[in-house]
């Protein structure tokens, strides 16, 4: 079974940028829509962005215009470019298939902290 591994998180001041990466231990091409999720303490994982194999994207309202999701199936990799970061973006970010396609083994996530 494919295991996901996220990286690229860290501390950044409001207005800053980060680029997250997520690599699968095997092929992700079979998953139509891959997504990035965000989880904060005491809350469930929420989908913040998704990308299809054709490159079509969807975003949560809170990140539209600031985040860009992309995927490279040849490298089994998913990316999330995050710009104009806000304190509300703080959380642990995970990747997996979107919604009902979340069938891969979840990674440990990567922590993003936005504060001054």
C-alpha atoms as a PDB file:
ATOM      1  CA  UNK A   1       0.000   0.000   0.000  1.00  0.00           C
ATOM      2  CA  UNK A   2       1.236   3.488  -0.822  1.00  0.00           C
ATOM      3  CA  UNK A   3       2.578   5.562   2.072  1.00  0.00           C
ATOM      4  CA  UNK A   4       2.621   9.342   1.836  1.00  0.00           C
ATOM      5  CA  UNK A   5       5.415  11.528   3.234  1.00  0.00           C
ATOM      6  CA  UNK A   6       5.034  15.279   3.574  1.00  0.00           C
ATOM      7  CA  UNK A   7       7.781  17.899   3.902  1.00  0.00           C
ATOM      8  CA  UNK A   8       8.450  21.591   3.553  1.00  0.00           C
ATOM      9  CA  UNK A   9       6.665  22.981   6.577  1.00  0.00           C
ATOM     10  CA  UNK A  10       8.154  25.424   9.030  1.00  0.00           C
ATOM     11  CA  UNK A  11       7.724  28.771  10.715  1.00  0.00           C
ATOM     12  CA  UNK A  12       6.960  31.821   8.619  1.00  0.00           C
ATOM     13  CA  UNK A  13       5.795  35.351   9.331  1.00  0.00           C
ATOM     14  CA  UNK A  14       2.409  36.544   8.074  1.00  0.00           C
ATOM     15  CA  UNK A  15       2.643  37.395   4.405  1.00  0.00           C
ATOM     16  CA  UNK A  16       5.380  34.854   3.799  1.00  0.00           C
ATOM     17  CA  UNK A  17       5.477  31.794   1.560  1.00  0.00           C
ATOM     18  CA  UNK A  18       6.169  28.108   1.848  1.00  0.00           C
ATOM     19  CA  UNK A  19       6.177  25.238  -0.612  1.00  0.00           C
ATOM     20  CA  UNK A  20       5.048  21.850   0.626  1.00  0.00           C
ATOM     21  CA  UNK A  21       5.884  18.549  -1.045  1.00  0.00           C
ATOM     22  CA  UNK A  22       4.410  15.124  -0.599  1.00  0.00           C
ATOM     23  CA  UNK A  23       5.926  11.965  -2.018  1.00  0.00           C
ATOM     24  CA  UNK A  24       4.191   8.640  -2.305  1.00  0.00           C
ATOM     25  CA  UNK A  25       6.061   5.375  -1.833  1.00  0.00           C
ATOM     26  CA  UNK A  26       4.347   4.184  -4.985  1.00  0.00           C
ATOM     27  CA  UNK A  27       2.344   5.487  -7.882  1.00  0.00           C
ATOM     28  CA  UNK A  28      -0.350   8.103  -7.251  1.00  0.00           C
ATOM     29  CA  UNK A  29      -1.457   8.220 -10.875  1.00  0.00           C
ATOM     30  CA  UNK A  30      -4.368   5.910 -10.203  1.00  0.00           C
ATOM     31  CA  UNK A  31      -6.001   8.457  -7.904  1.00  0.00           C
ATOM     32  CA  UNK A  32      -8.140  10.866  -9.912  1.00  0.00           C
ATOM     33  CA  UNK A  33      -7.984  13.743  -7.442  1.00  0.00           C
ATOM     34  CA  UNK A  34      -5.141  14.218  -4.966  1.00  0.00           C
ATOM     35  CA  UNK A  35      -5.506  16.679  -2.140  1.00  0.00           C
ATOM     36  CA  UNK A  36      -3.841  18.618   0.643  1.00  0.00           C
ATOM     37  CA  UNK A  37      -5.514  18.618   4.026  1.00  0.00           C
ATOM     38  CA  UNK A  38      -5.003  20.829   7.072  1.00  0.00           C
ATOM     39  CA  UNK A  39      -5.598  19.833  10.664  1.00  0.00           C
ATOM     40  CA  UNK A  40      -5.550  22.014  13.755  1.00  0.00           C
ATOM     41  CA  UNK A  41      -5.683  20.788  17.370  1.00  0.00           C
ATOM     42  CA  UNK A  42      -9.054  19.346  18.273  1.00  0.00           C
ATOM     43  CA  UNK A  43     -10.344  19.496  14.716  1.00  0.00           C
ATOM     44  CA  UNK A  44     -10.657  17.068  11.843  1.00  0.00           C
ATOM     45  CA  UNK A  45      -8.579  17.129   8.710  1.00  0.00           C
ATOM     46  CA  UNK A  46     -10.105  19.515   6.212  1.00  0.00           C
ATOM     47  CA  UNK A  47      -9.410  19.436   2.492  1.00  0.00           C
ATOM     48  CA  UNK A  48      -7.893  22.757   1.428  1.00  0.00           C
ATOM     49  CA  UNK A  49      -6.928  21.982  -2.169  1.00  0.00           C
ATOM     50  CA  UNK A  50      -7.309  19.254  -4.754  1.00  0.00           C
ATOM     51  CA  UNK A  51      -5.886  18.547  -8.209  1.00  0.00           C
ATOM     52  CA  UNK A  52      -7.017  16.062 -10.818  1.00  0.00           C
ATOM     53  CA  UNK A  53      -4.877  14.068 -13.208  1.00  0.00           C
ATOM     54  CA  UNK A  54      -5.825  16.563 -15.930  1.00  0.00           C
ATOM     55  CA  UNK A  55      -4.653  19.493 -13.828  1.00  0.00           C
ATOM     56  CA  UNK A  56      -8.049  20.809 -12.797  1.00  0.00           C
ATOM     57  CA  UNK A  57      -7.939  22.309  -9.320  1.00  0.00           C
ATOM     58  CA  UNK A  58     -10.297  23.043  -6.449  1.00  0.00           C
ATOM     59  CA  UNK A  59      -9.647  25.168  -3.382  1.00  0.00           C
ATOM     60  CA  UNK A  60     -11.289  25.959  -0.093  1.00  0.00           C
ATOM     61  CA  UNK A  61     -12.583  29.526  -0.051  1.00  0.00           C
ATOM     62  CA  UNK A  62     -10.117  30.477   2.659  1.00  0.00           C
ATOM     63  CA  UNK A  63      -7.080  29.729   0.466  1.00  0.00           C
ATOM     64  CA  UNK A  64      -8.304  30.696  -3.004  1.00  0.00           C
ATOM     65  CA  UNK A  65      -5.928  33.039  -4.757  1.00  0.00           C
ATOM     66  CA  UNK A  66      -3.124  32.321  -2.282  1.00  0.00           C
ATOM     67  CA  UNK A  67      -2.434  28.592  -2.597  1.00  0.00           C
ATOM     68  CA  UNK A  68      -1.562  26.634  -5.732  1.00  0.00           C
ATOM     69  CA  UNK A  69      -1.683  22.865  -5.871  1.00  0.00           C
ATOM     70  CA  UNK A  70       0.062  20.762  -8.484  1.00  0.00           C
ATOM     71  CA  UNK A  71       1.106  17.174  -9.024  1.00  0.00           C
ATOM     72  CA  UNK A  72       3.823  15.276 -10.863  1.00  0.00           C
ATOM     73  CA  UNK A  73       2.687  11.694 -11.334  1.00  0.00           C
ATOM     74  CA  UNK A  74       6.051  10.705 -12.827  1.00  0.00           C
ATOM     75  CA  UNK A  75       7.632  11.568  -9.465  1.00  0.00           C
ATOM     76  CA  UNK A  76       4.670  10.395  -7.353  1.00  0.00           C
ATOM     77  CA  UNK A  77       4.691  13.890  -5.887  1.00  0.00           C
ATOM     78  CA  UNK A  78       2.138  16.498  -4.876  1.00  0.00           C
ATOM     79  CA  UNK A  79       2.988  20.147  -4.222  1.00  0.00           C
ATOM     80  CA  UNK A  80       1.336  23.048  -2.456  1.00  0.00           C
ATOM     81  CA  UNK A  81       2.664  26.550  -3.018  1.00  0.00           C
ATOM     82  CA  UNK A  82       1.384  28.762  -0.229  1.00  0.00           C
ATOM     83  CA  UNK A  83       1.677  32.521  -0.556  1.00  0.00           C
ATOM     84  CA  UNK A  84       0.428  35.440   1.550  1.00  0.00           C
ATOM     85  CA  UNK A  85       0.254  33.147   4.539  1.00  0.00           C
ATOM     86  CA  UNK A  86      -2.000  34.110   7.416  1.00  0.00           C
ATOM     87  CA  UNK A  87      -2.120  32.954  11.026  1.00  0.00           C
ATOM     88  CA  UNK A  88      -5.272  31.006  10.146  1.00  0.00           C
ATOM     89  CA  UNK A  89      -3.179  28.811   7.851  1.00  0.00           C
ATOM     90  CA  UNK A  90      -1.308  27.377  10.828  1.00  0.00           C
ATOM     91  CA  UNK A  91      -1.735  23.633  11.163  1.00  0.00           C
ATOM     92  CA  UNK A  92      -0.407  20.238  10.194  1.00  0.00           C
ATOM     93  CA  UNK A  93      -0.681  19.580   6.474  1.00  0.00           C
ATOM     94  CA  UNK A  94      -1.244  16.122   5.025  1.00  0.00           C
ATOM     95  CA  UNK A  95      -1.742  14.753   1.540  1.00  0.00           C
ATOM     96  CA  UNK A  96      -3.840  11.878   0.267  1.00  0.00           C
ATOM     97  CA  UNK A  97      -6.526  11.191  -2.258  1.00  0.00           C
ATOM     98  CA  UNK A  98      -9.389  13.650  -1.999  1.00  0.00           C
ATOM     99  CA  UNK A  99     -12.488  12.634  -0.092  1.00  0.00           C
ATOM    100  CA  UNK A 100     -13.517   9.057  -0.808  1.00  0.00           C
ATOM    101  CA  UNK A 101     -10.208   8.496  -2.615  1.00  0.00           C
ATOM    102  CA  UNK A 102      -8.188   8.945   0.598  1.00  0.00           C
ATOM    103  CA  UNK A 103      -6.986   5.347   0.452  1.00  0.00           C
ATOM    104  CA  UNK A 104      -3.250   5.775   0.954  1.00  0.00           C
ATOM    105  CA  UNK A 105      -1.489   5.400   4.290  1.00  0.00           C
ATOM    106  CA  UNK A 106      -1.416   8.807   5.947  1.00  0.00           C
ATOM    107  CA  UNK A 107       1.980  10.334   6.614  1.00  0.00           C
ATOM    108  CA  UNK A 108       3.009  12.212   9.740  1.00  0.00           C
ATOM    109  CA  UNK A 109       2.207  15.522   8.111  1.00  0.00           C
ATOM    110  CA  UNK A 110       4.265  18.687   8.041  1.00  0.00           C
ATOM    111  CA  UNK A 111       3.707  21.508  10.510  1.00  0.00           C
ATOM    112  CA  UNK A 112       3.162  25.027   9.222  1.00  0.00           C
ATOM    113  CA  UNK A 113       3.293  27.821  11.770  1.00  0.00           C
ATOM    114  CA  UNK A 114       2.410  31.352  10.730  1.00  0.00           C
ATOM    115  CA  UNK A 115       3.113  33.948  13.384  1.00  0.00           C
ATOM    116  CA  UNK A 116       5.018  37.130  14.016  1.00  0.00           C
END
